Amino acid sequence: MESTGEIVHRESRPAPGRLAAPACTSVIAVPGRGGDGDESGAALTSEPIVLSLCGRRWRFNRVMIYHVVPLAEWNAAPDRPYGPASLTEDGFIHCSPDEETTLAVVNAFYRTAPRPLLALLLDEDRLTAKCEWEAANPAPPPGVAENSLFPHVFGPLNRDAVARIQEIAWDSEGRAVGLTDVS
């Protein structure tokens, strides 16, 4: 099928003196103006499709990364950047790339953590600390592909990078099954 969609190329650079955002190149397919669709030629989605190359990693419609934290720990010092024990112990803050992976991480490592348990949705471009995408060491949790990369934040989380907060939802057997909006 011939593609008739509009493709827009954009480049962005971090503001002078800003460390958080790498140089990015985005390719945007704008639905409603043609594009790959079903056999009738209709677009399969009404949302723009964004594929960005930021640093050395492609991102597809995703600018949020997830960090799991007990509510009491998150609220302990609300006037300061957040730094969990892993920042001191491992040298970085563990994060996940998406909701599905976050739930797998919770089920593998946080089932006995104090509740309520939150997922902070972080805007990677607003982080003041360096964020690198790395393979899990020694292996990802069950249910996560071996080649998955995880965002690791090498410094405290500036609270203005938190775009949304969700609470982990649990089933009757104590498994994390979803996320619900808190803010």
Protein backbone atom coordinates (compact mmCIF):
# COMPACT_ATOMS: atom_id res chain seq x y z
CA MET A 1 0.00 0.00 0.00
CA GLU A 2 1.28 3.45 -0.89
CA SER A 3 1.82 5.76 2.05
CA THR A 4 0.26 9.19 1.77
CA GLY A 5 0.88 10.28 5.38
CA GLU A 6 2.63 13.49 6.24
CA ILE A 7 6.02 12.97 7.86
CA VAL A 8 7.51 15.83 9.84
CA HIS A 9 11.14 15.86 10.97
CA ARG A 10 12.10 17.90 14.03
CA GLU A 11 15.33 18.44 15.86
CA SER A 12 15.64 19.73 19.38
CA ARG A 13 18.61 20.62 21.49
CA PRO A 14 18.78 21.21 25.23
CA ALA A 15 18.67 24.79 26.43
CA PRO A 16 22.13 26.22 27.15
CA GLY A 17 23.32 25.04 30.54
CA ARG A 18 20.59 22.36 30.80
CA LEU A 19 21.97 18.89 31.36
CA ALA A 20 18.80 16.81 31.33
CA ALA A 21 17.71 16.68 27.72
CA PRO A 22 19.88 15.07 25.05
CA ALA A 23 19.75 16.29 21.48
CA CYS A 24 16.73 14.69 19.84
CA THR A 25 15.55 14.06 16.33
CA SER A 26 11.87 13.19 15.93
CA VAL A 27 9.91 11.73 13.05
CA ILE A 28 6.20 12.42 13.36
CA ALA A 29 3.50 10.77 11.23
CA VAL A 30 0.36 12.90 11.32
CA PRO A 31 -2.81 10.76 10.98
CA GLY A 32 -5.84 12.15 9.24
CA ARG A 33 -3.64 13.26 6.37
CA GLY A 34 -3.14 9.81 4.93
CA GLY A 35 -0.58 7.29 6.09
CA ASP A 36 -0.56 3.59 6.56
CA GLY A 37 -3.97 2.37 7.57
CA ASP A 38 -6.30 -0.54 7.14
CA GLU A 39 -7.40 -1.87 3.75
CA SER A 40 -9.81 1.03 3.32
CA GLY A 41 -6.93 3.46 3.66
CA ALA A 42 -8.25 4.85 6.95
CA ALA A 43 -5.67 5.77 9.55
CA LEU A 44 -5.44 3.20 12.34
CA THR A 45 -5.03 5.87 15.02
CA SER A 46 -6.06 9.46 15.49
CA GLU A 47 -2.98 10.27 17.56
CA PRO A 48 0.29 11.45 16.04
CA ILE A 49 2.93 8.75 15.96
CA VAL A 50 6.23 10.01 17.31
CA LEU A 51 9.53 8.19 16.95
CA SER A 52 12.41 10.08 18.58
CA LEU A 53 16.12 9.43 18.64
CA CYS A 54 17.40 10.92 21.89
CA GLY A 55 21.01 10.27 22.58
CA ARG A 56 21.50 6.68 21.44
CA ARG A 57 17.95 5.42 22.10
CA TRP A 58 14.80 5.51 20.01
CA ARG A 59 11.59 6.39 21.83
CA PHE A 60 8.12 5.71 20.44
CA ASN A 61 5.38 7.94 21.87
CA ARG A 62 7.02 7.60 25.27
CA VAL A 63 8.49 10.34 27.34
CA MET A 64 7.65 8.95 30.79
CA ILE A 65 9.66 6.56 32.91
CA TYR A 66 8.36 4.90 36.09
CA HIS A 67 9.82 4.74 39.60
CA VAL A 68 8.22 2.71 42.41
CA VAL A 69 8.19 4.12 45.95
CA PRO A 70 6.15 3.64 49.14
CA LEU A 71 3.93 6.67 49.87
CA ALA A 72 5.54 7.32 53.27
CA GLU A 73 9.02 7.39 51.72
CA TRP A 74 7.90 9.77 48.95
CA ASN A 75 6.27 12.12 51.46
CA ALA A 76 9.16 12.05 53.98
CA ALA A 77 10.88 15.23 52.69
CA PRO A 78 8.55 16.92 50.18
CA ASP A 79 10.64 20.10 50.03
CA ARG A 80 13.79 18.29 48.85
CA PRO A 81 14.77 16.19 45.81
CA TYR A 82 14.02 12.51 46.36
CA GLY A 83 16.88 10.06 46.77
CA PRO A 84 16.06 6.44 47.69
CA ALA A 85 18.53 4.03 49.29
CA SER A 86 19.41 2.59 45.87
CA LEU A 87 21.07 5.90 44.93
CA THR A 88 23.65 5.35 47.70
CA GLU A 89 23.79 1.54 47.40
CA ASP A 90 23.83 1.15 43.59
CA GLY A 91 24.81 4.64 42.48
CA PHE A 92 21.53 5.22 40.64
CA ILE A 93 17.76 5.18 41.02
CA HIS A 94 16.04 2.17 39.46
CA CYS A 95 13.24 3.00 37.02
CA SER A 96 11.14 1.10 34.48
CA PRO A 97 10.28 1.96 30.88
CA ASP A 98 6.52 1.30 30.97
CA GLU A 99 3.55 0.17 33.06
CA GLU A 100 3.82 -3.53 32.18
CA THR A 101 7.47 -3.68 33.19
CA THR A 102 6.74 -1.67 36.34
CA LEU A 103 4.12 -4.22 37.41
CA ALA A 104 6.58 -7.07 36.77
CA VAL A 105 9.18 -5.26 38.90
CA VAL A 106 6.65 -4.71 41.70
CA ASN A 107 5.62 -8.38 41.65
CA ALA A 108 9.26 -9.49 41.74
CA PHE A 109 10.67 -7.05 44.30
CA TYR A 110 7.97 -5.02 46.08
CA ARG A 111 5.19 -7.44 47.12
CA THR A 112 6.07 -7.01 50.79
CA ALA A 113 6.93 -3.29 50.60
CA PRO A 114 4.93 -0.87 52.78
CA ARG A 115 1.67 0.24 51.19
CA PRO A 116 0.30 2.24 49.59
CA LEU A 117 2.89 1.83 46.88
CA LEU A 118 3.20 4.52 44.22
CA ALA A 119 4.51 4.70 40.68
CA LEU A 120 6.02 8.09 39.90
CA LEU A 121 5.76 8.89 36.20
CA LEU A 122 8.83 10.93 35.42
CA ASP A 123 9.32 13.16 32.41
CA GLU A 124 12.78 12.03 31.36
CA ASP A 125 13.46 15.34 29.62
CA ARG A 126 12.83 17.27 32.86
CA LEU A 127 15.20 15.24 35.03
CA THR A 128 18.18 17.26 36.22
CA ALA A 129 20.23 14.10 36.84
CA LYS A 130 21.67 11.99 34.03
CA CYS A 131 19.46 9.10 32.89
CA GLU A 132 20.98 6.12 31.10
CA TRP A 133 19.17 3.11 29.64
CA GLU A 134 20.93 -0.09 30.62
CA ALA A 135 20.35 -3.84 30.67
CA ALA A 136 19.14 -5.39 33.91
CA ASN A 137 21.90 -6.90 36.01
CA PRO A 138 21.85 -9.84 36.50
CA ALA A 139 18.53 -10.35 34.64
CA PRO A 140 15.14 -8.66 34.24
CA PRO A 141 12.25 -9.83 36.42
CA PRO A 142 10.02 -12.69 35.24
CA GLY A 143 7.80 -11.68 32.35
CA VAL A 144 10.17 -9.01 31.02
CA ALA A 145 12.14 -9.65 27.82
CA GLU A 146 15.85 -10.42 28.29
CA ASN A 147 16.87 -7.57 25.97
CA SER A 148 14.85 -4.93 27.86
CA LEU A 149 16.63 -1.77 28.87
CA PHE A 150 15.88 0.02 32.13
CA PRO A 151 16.27 3.73 32.84
CA HIS A 152 18.75 4.42 35.62
CA VAL A 153 18.83 7.94 37.07
CA PHE A 154 22.27 8.91 38.39
CA GLY A 155 21.25 11.50 40.97
CA PRO A 156 18.30 12.58 43.11
CA LEU A 157 14.89 12.99 41.46
CA ASN A 158 13.89 16.61 41.16
CA ARG A 159 10.23 16.67 42.11
CA ASP A 160 9.23 18.90 39.20
CA ALA A 161 10.11 15.99 36.86
CA VAL A 162 7.14 14.04 38.30
CA ALA A 163 4.37 14.41 35.73
CA ARG A 164 1.91 12.02 37.34
CA ILE A 165 1.58 9.81 40.40
CA GLN A 166 -0.24 6.50 40.26
CA GLU A 167 -0.97 3.95 42.97
CA ILE A 168 -0.31 0.25 42.51
CA ALA A 169 -3.55 -1.77 42.41
CA TRP A 170 -3.43 -5.27 43.94
CA ASP A 171 -5.53 -8.38 43.41
CA SER A 172 -6.81 -10.59 46.24
CA GLU A 173 -3.66 -12.73 46.07
CA GLY A 174 -1.32 -9.77 46.58
CA ARG A 175 -0.19 -9.37 42.96
CA ALA A 176 0.21 -5.96 41.37
CA VAL A 177 -2.32 -5.81 38.54
CA GLY A 178 -2.53 -2.17 37.49
CA LEU A 179 -2.00 1.49 38.21
CA THR A 180 -4.66 4.02 39.21
CA ASP A 181 -4.28 7.79 39.10
CA VAL A 182 -3.54 9.64 42.31
CA SER A 183 -2.53 12.94 40.66
